[in-house]
Amino acid sequence: QVHLVESGGGLVQPGGSLRLSCAASTSIFSSIAMAWYRQAPGKERELVALIMRGGTTNYADSVKGRFTITRDNAKNTVYLQMNSLKPEDAAVYYCYTNTYRQDYWGQGTQVTVSS
């Protein structure tokens, strides 16, 4: 069982920055890949960024160069640094992992980008 808790969402102006955090309650955090997804109203949930256990990262084309995913294995936490935010980045952001063939999601954190 893995429990994921996101934090760090909020309201930001276009061009601003936010850092999301996801704390994971698992003893195997350093061995699992972690990801951030987002879902905007009326749209499907989409993968934003992924970080493998070795630190390799992948990003959606729409966020490359603006978002950075990192992990701190000592704190069992994954982060998403979001810079140069655009209105189209507004969504609920979810932390995700899959371990032992089981999907785990956080409760989500709202990101609003508006002037």
Protein backbone atom coordinates (compact mmCIF):
# COMPACT_ATOMS: atom_id res chain seq x y z
CA GLN A 1 0.00 0.00 0.00
CA VAL A 2 1.32 3.44 -1.00
CA HIS A 3 -0.19 6.69 0.24
CA LEU A 4 0.54 9.82 -1.78
CA VAL A 5 -0.11 13.35 -0.54
CA GLU A 6 0.34 16.35 -2.80
CA SER A 7 0.80 19.94 -1.75
CA GLY A 8 1.87 23.26 -3.21
CA GLY A 9 -0.95 24.12 -5.57
CA GLY A 10 -2.57 27.49 -5.69
CA LEU A 11 -3.29 30.59 -7.73
CA VAL A 12 -0.50 32.11 -9.78
CA GLN A 13 -0.35 34.73 -12.49
CA PRO A 14 0.71 33.81 -16.01
CA GLY A 15 4.48 33.67 -16.16
CA GLY A 16 4.72 32.78 -12.49
CA SER A 17 6.08 29.71 -10.75
CA LEU A 18 4.88 27.04 -8.35
CA ARG A 19 6.48 24.00 -6.81
CA LEU A 20 4.37 20.96 -6.13
CA SER A 21 5.39 18.30 -3.65
CA CYS A 22 4.25 14.73 -3.26
CA ALA A 23 5.09 12.81 -0.13
CA ALA A 24 4.94 9.03 -0.43
CA SER A 25 4.45 6.63 2.44
CA THR A 26 6.39 3.62 1.29
CA SER A 27 9.63 1.97 2.27
CA ILE A 28 10.50 1.31 -1.35
CA PHE A 29 10.31 4.88 -2.62
CA SER A 30 13.85 4.88 -3.95
CA SER A 31 13.02 1.83 -6.08
CA ILE A 32 9.93 3.12 -7.84
CA ALA A 33 9.21 5.52 -10.65
CA MET A 34 7.07 8.54 -9.83
CA ALA A 35 5.00 10.74 -12.07
CA TRP A 36 2.86 13.83 -12.19
CA TYR A 37 -0.38 13.89 -14.14
CA ARG A 38 -2.88 16.68 -14.60
CA GLN A 39 -6.51 16.94 -15.52
CA ALA A 40 -8.22 20.10 -16.69
CA PRO A 41 -12.02 20.45 -16.72
CA GLY A 42 -13.53 18.56 -19.62
CA LYS A 43 -10.22 16.98 -20.58
CA GLU A 44 -8.62 13.61 -20.03
CA ARG A 45 -5.92 13.13 -17.44
CA GLU A 46 -2.52 13.49 -19.06
CA LEU A 47 1.04 12.65 -18.10
CA VAL A 48 3.08 15.73 -17.31
CA ALA A 49 6.40 14.37 -16.09
CA LEU A 50 8.00 11.12 -15.04
CA ILE A 51 11.10 10.34 -13.03
CA MET A 52 12.56 6.87 -12.92
CA ARG A 53 14.23 5.39 -9.85
CA GLY A 54 17.62 6.20 -11.33
CA GLY A 55 16.68 9.81 -11.98
CA THR A 56 15.93 9.64 -15.69
CA THR A 57 13.15 12.04 -16.56
CA ASN A 58 10.58 12.46 -19.30
CA TYR A 59 8.21 15.33 -19.98
CA ALA A 60 5.15 16.09 -22.01
CA ASP A 61 6.06 18.26 -24.97
CA SER A 62 3.81 21.01 -23.67
CA VAL A 63 5.91 21.48 -20.52
CA LYS A 64 9.45 20.78 -21.72
CA GLY A 65 11.81 23.53 -20.76
CA ARG A 66 9.37 24.96 -18.21
CA PHE A 67 8.74 22.15 -15.72
CA THR A 68 11.28 20.09 -13.81
CA ILE A 69 10.59 16.89 -11.90
CA THR A 70 12.98 15.87 -9.14
CA ARG A 71 13.00 13.45 -6.26
CA ASP A 72 14.48 13.32 -2.79
CA ASN A 73 14.73 9.69 -1.78
CA ALA A 74 15.75 10.62 1.76
CA LYS A 75 12.44 12.43 2.18
CA ASN A 76 10.30 10.07 0.09
CA THR A 77 9.20 13.08 -1.87
CA VAL A 78 8.88 13.98 -5.53
CA TYR A 79 8.66 17.58 -6.70
CA LEU A 80 7.40 19.38 -9.76
CA GLN A 81 8.90 22.82 -10.30
CA MET A 82 6.69 24.73 -12.68
CA ASN A 83 8.00 27.91 -14.26
CA SER A 84 6.61 30.25 -16.90
CA LEU A 85 3.12 29.03 -16.15
CA LYS A 86 0.45 29.52 -18.76
CA PRO A 87 -3.33 29.58 -18.43
CA GLU A 88 -3.44 26.22 -20.20
CA ASP A 89 -1.40 24.70 -17.36
CA ALA A 90 -4.35 25.18 -15.02
CA ALA A 91 -5.57 21.81 -13.81
CA VAL A 92 -5.70 19.46 -10.89
CA TYR A 93 -2.26 17.90 -10.58
CA TYR A 94 -1.96 14.33 -9.35
CA CYS A 95 0.98 12.36 -8.09
CA TYR A 96 1.13 8.78 -9.34
CA THR A 97 3.07 5.59 -9.00
CA ASN A 98 2.63 1.95 -9.85
CA THR A 99 4.14 -0.73 -7.72
CA TYR A 100 3.45 -4.45 -7.61
CA ARG A 101 1.08 -3.84 -10.56
CA GLN A 102 -1.10 -1.56 -8.47
CA ASP A 103 -1.83 2.06 -9.39
CA TYR A 104 -1.65 4.66 -6.66
CA TRP A 105 -2.88 8.24 -6.95
CA GLY A 106 -2.77 11.21 -4.67
CA GLN A 107 -5.84 13.28 -3.95
CA GLY A 108 -4.73 16.03 -6.31
CA THR A 109 -3.80 19.66 -5.88
CA GLN A 110 -5.39 22.51 -7.81
CA VAL A 111 -3.25 24.83 -9.90
CA THR A 112 -4.95 27.95 -11.20
CA VAL A 113 -3.18 30.28 -13.62
CA SER A 114 -4.97 33.56 -13.99
CA SER A 115 -4.36 37.26 -13.87
